[in-house]
Amino acid sequence: MVEQFVGTWTLISSENFDEYMKAIGVGFATRQMGNMAKPNLVISVDDAGMVSMKSETTFKTTEIKFKLNEEFDETTADGRKTKTLITCENGKLVQQQTWEDKKTTLEREIQDGKLTAVCN
């Protein structure tokens, strides 16, 4: 399932990212930097099925480690503490974050050999 995502990806498209950042309360200056960043996303899986997803930009590098279909605590790049669940659905890597009665979804998908992300 997640194996198709293993590798190093340079994000080429991120739909609704500015609206997403506004909705979660990210300030203007940070949004401007976030909109310019095209992170490298490094995804790997170890023998125990633990997935590592590392996002590298010139501004910040973050990494989360998780097992598919198991909720975990995540501290996001903008400092939110969320309960996060990552699943594979219809060929997409779907990341659901919940905090303070709020919820967001990030869907990552490979299209024509390129990684895209849609933020809701």
N, C-alpha and C. Protein backbone atom coordinates (compact mmCIF):
# COMPACT_ATOMS: atom_id res chain seq x y z
N MET A 1 0.82 -1.20 0.00
CA MET A 1 0.00 0.00 0.00
C MET A 1 0.85 1.26 0.00
N VAL A 2 1.59 1.48 1.11
CA VAL A 2 2.39 2.70 1.21
C VAL A 2 3.66 2.59 0.37
N GLU A 3 4.00 1.38 -0.07
CA GLU A 3 5.26 1.17 -0.79
C GLU A 3 5.39 2.06 -2.03
N GLN A 4 4.29 2.35 -2.70
CA GLN A 4 4.36 3.20 -3.90
C GLN A 4 4.83 4.62 -3.58
N PHE A 5 4.72 5.03 -2.31
CA PHE A 5 5.13 6.36 -1.89
C PHE A 5 6.58 6.41 -1.41
N VAL A 6 7.21 5.25 -1.21
CA VAL A 6 8.57 5.22 -0.70
C VAL A 6 9.52 5.86 -1.71
N GLY A 7 10.34 6.77 -1.21
CA GLY A 7 11.31 7.46 -2.07
C GLY A 7 11.42 8.91 -1.65
N THR A 8 12.10 9.70 -2.48
CA THR A 8 12.26 11.13 -2.25
C THR A 8 11.47 11.87 -3.33
N TRP A 9 10.58 12.74 -2.88
CA TRP A 9 9.69 13.46 -3.78
C TRP A 9 9.88 14.96 -3.60
N THR A 10 9.83 15.71 -4.69
CA THR A 10 9.77 17.17 -4.62
C THR A 10 8.35 17.55 -4.95
N LEU A 11 7.69 18.21 -4.01
CA LEU A 11 6.29 18.57 -4.19
C LEU A 11 6.15 19.54 -5.36
N ILE A 12 5.28 19.21 -6.30
CA ILE A 12 5.09 20.09 -7.46
C ILE A 12 3.76 20.82 -7.41
N SER A 13 2.81 20.30 -6.64
CA SER A 13 1.49 20.91 -6.59
C SER A 13 0.91 20.71 -5.20
N SER A 14 0.29 21.76 -4.68
CA SER A 14 -0.36 21.67 -3.37
C SER A 14 -1.61 22.53 -3.42
N GLU A 15 -2.73 21.90 -3.73
CA GLU A 15 -3.98 22.62 -3.89
C GLU A 15 -4.53 23.07 -2.54
N ASN A 16 -5.07 24.30 -2.51
CA ASN A 16 -5.74 24.86 -1.33
C ASN A 16 -4.80 25.09 -0.15
N PHE A 17 -3.49 25.13 -0.37
CA PHE A 17 -2.57 25.20 0.76
C PHE A 17 -2.69 26.52 1.51
N ASP A 18 -2.80 27.66 0.80
CA ASP A 18 -2.92 28.94 1.49
C ASP A 18 -4.22 29.00 2.29
N GLU A 19 -5.31 28.55 1.69
CA GLU A 19 -6.60 28.52 2.41
C GLU A 19 -6.52 27.61 3.62
N TYR A 20 -5.86 26.49 3.45
CA TYR A 20 -5.66 25.54 4.55
C TYR A 20 -4.90 26.22 5.69
N MET A 21 -3.79 26.89 5.36
CA MET A 21 -2.99 27.54 6.40
C MET A 21 -3.79 28.64 7.10
N LYS A 22 -4.58 29.42 6.34
CA LYS A 22 -5.43 30.44 6.95
C LYS A 22 -6.41 29.80 7.93
N ALA A 23 -7.03 28.71 7.51
CA ALA A 23 -8.05 28.06 8.33
C ALA A 23 -7.50 27.52 9.64
N ILE A 24 -6.24 27.12 9.65
CA ILE A 24 -5.66 26.58 10.89
C ILE A 24 -4.95 27.65 11.71
N GLY A 25 -4.99 28.93 11.23
CA GLY A 25 -4.48 30.04 12.02
C GLY A 25 -3.03 30.40 11.79
N VAL A 26 -2.45 30.01 10.67
CA VAL A 26 -1.05 30.37 10.38
C VAL A 26 -1.00 31.84 9.94
N GLY A 27 -0.07 32.60 10.51
CA GLY A 27 0.06 34.02 10.21
C GLY A 27 0.53 34.29 8.79
N PHE A 28 0.36 35.55 8.35
CA PHE A 28 0.64 35.95 6.97
C PHE A 28 2.09 35.65 6.55
N ALA A 29 3.08 36.07 7.36
CA ALA A 29 4.48 35.89 6.96
C ALA A 29 4.82 34.41 6.83
N THR A 30 4.37 33.60 7.76
CA THR A 30 4.65 32.16 7.70
C THR A 30 3.95 31.54 6.49
N ARG A 31 2.73 32.00 6.19
CA ARG A 31 2.02 31.49 5.01
C ARG A 31 2.80 31.82 3.74
N GLN A 32 3.35 33.03 3.66
CA GLN A 32 4.11 33.42 2.47
C GLN A 32 5.31 32.50 2.27
N MET A 33 6.02 32.19 3.36
CA MET A 33 7.16 31.28 3.26
C MET A 33 6.68 29.88 2.89
N GLY A 34 5.59 29.45 3.51
CA GLY A 34 5.04 28.13 3.22
C GLY A 34 4.61 27.97 1.78
N ASN A 35 4.03 29.04 1.22
CA ASN A 35 3.58 28.98 -0.17
C ASN A 35 4.75 28.92 -1.15
N MET A 36 5.89 29.50 -0.77
CA MET A 36 7.06 29.48 -1.65
C MET A 36 7.81 28.16 -1.56
N ALA A 37 7.70 27.50 -0.42
CA ALA A 37 8.47 26.27 -0.19
C ALA A 37 7.95 25.13 -1.06
N LYS A 38 8.86 24.43 -1.67
CA LYS A 38 8.54 23.19 -2.38
C LYS A 38 9.37 22.11 -1.71
N PRO A 39 8.81 21.52 -0.66
CA PRO A 39 9.61 20.59 0.14
C PRO A 39 9.96 19.30 -0.58
N ASN A 40 11.09 18.76 -0.17
CA ASN A 40 11.39 17.37 -0.50
C ASN A 40 10.72 16.54 0.57
N LEU A 41 9.99 15.54 0.15
CA LEU A 41 9.33 14.65 1.08
C LEU A 41 9.99 13.29 0.93
N VAL A 42 10.62 12.82 2.03
CA VAL A 42 11.33 11.55 2.02
C VAL A 42 10.49 10.56 2.81
N ILE A 43 10.03 9.51 2.13
CA ILE A 43 9.17 8.51 2.76
C ILE A 43 9.90 7.17 2.74
N SER A 44 9.95 6.53 3.91
CA SER A 44 10.58 5.21 4.01
C SER A 44 9.75 4.35 4.96
N VAL A 45 9.96 3.04 4.87
CA VAL A 45 9.27 2.08 5.73
C VAL A 45 10.32 1.09 6.23
N ASP A 46 10.31 0.84 7.55
CA ASP A 46 11.27 -0.13 8.09
C ASP A 46 10.65 -1.53 8.10
N ASP A 47 11.43 -2.51 8.53
CA ASP A 47 10.99 -3.90 8.52
C ASP A 47 9.79 -4.17 9.41
N ALA A 48 9.58 -3.33 10.43
CA ALA A 48 8.46 -3.50 11.35
C ALA A 48 7.19 -2.80 10.86
N GLY A 49 7.27 -2.17 9.68
CA GLY A 49 6.10 -1.47 9.14
C GLY A 49 5.97 -0.03 9.60
N MET A 50 6.98 0.49 10.31
CA MET A 50 6.96 1.88 10.75
C MET A 50 7.32 2.77 9.57
N VAL A 51 6.46 3.75 9.29
CA VAL A 51 6.66 4.66 8.17
C VAL A 51 7.29 5.94 8.70
N SER A 52 8.29 6.45 7.99
CA SER A 52 8.90 7.74 8.30
C SER A 52 8.59 8.68 7.15
N MET A 53 8.09 9.87 7.49
CA MET A 53 7.81 10.89 6.48
C MET A 53 8.53 12.16 6.91
N LYS A 54 9.59 12.50 6.17
CA LYS A 54 10.40 13.67 6.50
C LYS A 54 10.21 14.73 5.42
N SER A 55 9.82 15.93 5.86
CA SER A 55 9.63 17.06 4.96
C SER A 55 10.80 18.02 5.15
N GLU A 56 11.55 18.26 4.07
CA GLU A 56 12.75 19.09 4.14
C GLU A 56 12.59 20.32 3.26
N THR A 57 12.72 21.51 3.87
CA THR A 57 12.76 22.76 3.12
C THR A 57 13.93 23.59 3.63
N THR A 58 14.20 24.70 2.97
CA THR A 58 15.26 25.58 3.45
C THR A 58 14.85 26.26 4.76
N PHE A 59 13.53 26.30 5.05
CA PHE A 59 13.03 26.96 6.26
C PHE A 59 13.01 26.02 7.46
N LYS A 60 12.62 24.76 7.23
CA LYS A 60 12.40 23.85 8.35
C LYS A 60 12.37 22.41 7.85
N THR A 61 12.83 21.50 8.71
CA THR A 61 12.72 20.07 8.43
C THR A 61 11.90 19.45 9.56
N THR A 62 10.89 18.68 9.17
CA THR A 62 10.07 17.98 10.16
C THR A 62 10.01 16.51 9.79
N GLU A 63 9.79 15.67 10.79
CA GLU A 63 9.67 14.24 10.54
C GLU A 63 8.61 13.66 11.45
N ILE A 64 7.78 12.79 10.89
CA ILE A 64 6.84 12.02 11.70
C ILE A 64 7.08 10.55 11.41
N LYS A 65 6.83 9.74 12.43
CA LYS A 65 6.94 8.29 12.28
C LYS A 65 5.63 7.69 12.76
N PHE A 66 5.11 6.73 11.99
CA PHE A 66 3.79 6.21 12.29
C PHE A 66 3.60 4.84 11.64
N LYS A 67 2.54 4.17 12.08
CA LYS A 67 2.08 2.96 11.42
C LYS A 67 0.74 3.30 10.78
N LEU A 68 0.53 2.83 9.57
CA LEU A 68 -0.74 3.06 8.91
C LEU A 68 -1.89 2.58 9.78
N ASN A 69 -2.97 3.31 9.76
CA ASN A 69 -4.22 2.95 10.46
C ASN A 69 -4.10 2.97 11.98
N GLU A 70 -3.05 3.60 12.52
CA GLU A 70 -2.90 3.72 13.97
C GLU A 70 -2.75 5.20 14.32
N GLU A 71 -3.66 5.71 15.16
CA GLU A 71 -3.60 7.12 15.56
C GLU A 71 -2.35 7.38 16.39
N PHE A 72 -1.76 8.57 16.22
CA PHE A 72 -0.58 8.95 16.98
C PHE A 72 -0.61 10.44 17.27
N ASP A 73 0.22 10.88 18.22
CA ASP A 73 0.35 12.29 18.56
C ASP A 73 1.36 12.92 17.62
N GLU A 74 0.99 14.07 17.04
CA GLU A 74 1.88 14.78 16.11
C GLU A 74 1.99 16.23 16.54
N THR A 75 3.20 16.77 16.49
CA THR A 75 3.40 18.20 16.62
C THR A 75 3.72 18.69 15.22
N THR A 76 2.84 19.51 14.66
CA THR A 76 2.97 19.95 13.27
C THR A 76 4.06 21.01 13.12
N ALA A 77 4.40 21.29 11.86
CA ALA A 77 5.45 22.28 11.58
C ALA A 77 5.10 23.65 12.14
N ASP A 78 3.79 23.95 12.27
CA ASP A 78 3.38 25.24 12.82
C ASP A 78 3.09 25.17 14.32
N GLY A 79 3.44 24.04 14.96
CA GLY A 79 3.38 23.94 16.41
C GLY A 79 2.09 23.39 16.99
N ARG A 80 1.11 23.02 16.17
CA ARG A 80 -0.12 22.44 16.69
C ARG A 80 0.15 21.02 17.21
N LYS A 81 -0.55 20.66 18.27
CA LYS A 81 -0.47 19.29 18.79
C LYS A 81 -1.75 18.60 18.35
N THR A 82 -1.61 17.61 17.48
CA THR A 82 -2.77 16.96 16.89
C THR A 82 -2.78 15.47 17.19
N LYS A 83 -3.96 14.89 17.07
CA LYS A 83 -4.12 13.45 16.98
C LYS A 83 -4.19 13.18 15.49
N THR A 84 -3.33 12.32 14.98
CA THR A 84 -3.21 12.11 13.55
C THR A 84 -3.42 10.65 13.21
N LEU A 85 -4.12 10.42 12.11
CA LEU A 85 -4.34 9.08 11.58
C LEU A 85 -4.01 9.12 10.10
N ILE A 86 -3.15 8.21 9.66
CA ILE A 86 -2.77 8.14 8.25
C ILE A 86 -3.19 6.79 7.71
N THR A 87 -3.90 6.84 6.58
CA THR A 87 -4.41 5.62 5.94
C THR A 87 -4.08 5.67 4.46
N CYS A 88 -4.21 4.54 3.80
CA CYS A 88 -4.12 4.48 2.34
C CYS A 88 -5.53 4.22 1.83
N GLU A 89 -6.03 5.11 0.99
CA GLU A 89 -7.38 4.99 0.45
C GLU A 89 -7.35 5.32 -1.04
N ASN A 90 -7.80 4.39 -1.86
CA ASN A 90 -7.89 4.61 -3.31
C ASN A 90 -6.59 5.12 -3.90
N GLY A 91 -5.46 4.56 -3.48
CA GLY A 91 -4.16 4.96 -4.01
C GLY A 91 -3.62 6.26 -3.45
N LYS A 92 -4.30 6.82 -2.44
CA LYS A 92 -3.86 8.08 -1.83
C LYS A 92 -3.41 7.81 -0.40
N LEU A 93 -2.43 8.59 0.04
CA LEU A 93 -2.00 8.59 1.43
C LEU A 93 -2.79 9.71 2.11
N VAL A 94 -3.71 9.35 3.00
CA VAL A 94 -4.63 10.31 3.60
C VAL A 94 -4.25 10.54 5.06
N GLN A 95 -3.96 11.81 5.39
CA GLN A 95 -3.52 12.19 6.74
C GLN A 95 -4.62 13.07 7.35
N GLN A 96 -5.25 12.57 8.41
CA GLN A 96 -6.29 13.33 9.12
C GLN A 96 -5.73 13.79 10.45
N GLN A 97 -5.83 15.11 10.69
CA GLN A 97 -5.35 15.71 11.93
C GLN A 97 -6.53 16.31 12.67
N THR A 98 -6.65 16.04 13.97
CA THR A 98 -7.69 16.64 14.79
C THR A 98 -7.05 17.31 15.99
N TRP A 99 -7.59 18.48 16.37
CA TRP A 99 -7.14 19.23 17.53
C TRP A 99 -8.21 20.27 17.86
N GLU A 100 -8.41 20.55 19.11
CA GLU A 100 -9.34 21.60 19.57
C GLU A 100 -10.64 21.60 18.78
N ASP A 101 -11.27 20.46 18.63
CA ASP A 101 -12.53 20.33 17.88
C ASP A 101 -12.42 20.75 16.42
N LYS A 102 -11.21 20.74 15.87
CA LYS A 102 -10.99 21.06 14.46
C LYS A 102 -10.43 19.83 13.77
N LYS A 103 -10.58 19.77 12.45
CA LYS A 103 -10.09 18.62 11.70
C LYS A 103 -9.62 19.07 10.32
N THR A 104 -8.48 18.56 9.89
CA THR A 104 -7.99 18.81 8.53
C THR A 104 -7.60 17.48 7.91
N THR A 105 -7.60 17.47 6.59
CA THR A 105 -7.20 16.29 5.84
C THR A 105 -6.20 16.69 4.76
N LEU A 106 -5.11 15.94 4.67
CA LEU A 106 -4.13 16.13 3.60
C LEU A 106 -4.09 14.83 2.81
N GLU A 107 -4.33 14.93 1.52
CA GLU A 107 -4.29 13.76 0.66
C GLU A 107 -3.10 13.87 -0.28
N ARG A 108 -2.23 12.88 -0.20
CA ARG A 108 -1.07 12.84 -1.10
C ARG A 108 -1.30 11.75 -2.12
N GLU A 109 -0.94 12.06 -3.36
CA GLU A 109 -1.19 11.12 -4.45
C GLU A 109 -0.07 11.22 -5.47
N ILE A 110 0.23 10.12 -6.10
CA ILE A 110 1.22 10.10 -7.17
C ILE A 110 0.47 10.11 -8.49
N GLN A 111 0.74 11.12 -9.31
CA GLN A 111 0.13 11.24 -10.63
C GLN A 111 1.24 11.43 -11.65
N ASP A 112 1.26 10.56 -12.63
CA ASP A 112 2.30 10.62 -13.68
C ASP A 112 3.70 10.67 -13.09
N GLY A 113 3.92 9.89 -12.03
CA GLY A 113 5.24 9.82 -11.41
C GLY A 113 5.60 11.01 -10.54
N LYS A 114 4.61 11.87 -10.24
CA LYS A 114 4.86 13.06 -9.41
C LYS A 114 3.91 13.07 -8.22
N LEU A 115 4.39 13.60 -7.09
CA LEU A 115 3.60 13.67 -5.86
C LEU A 115 2.83 14.97 -5.83
N THR A 116 1.52 14.87 -5.58
CA THR A 116 0.69 16.06 -5.36
C THR A 116 0.05 15.95 -3.99
N ALA A 117 -0.37 17.09 -3.45
CA ALA A 117 -1.04 17.11 -2.15
C ALA A 117 -2.24 18.03 -2.24
N VAL A 118 -3.35 17.59 -1.66
CA VAL A 118 -4.55 18.41 -1.56
C VAL A 118 -4.86 18.57 -0.08
N CYS A 119 -5.04 19.81 0.35
CA CYS A 119 -5.30 20.12 1.76
C CYS A 119 -6.74 20.57 1.93
N ASN A 120 -7.43 19.96 2.86
CA ASN A 120 -8.81 20.34 3.17
C ASN A 120 -8.97 20.54 4.67
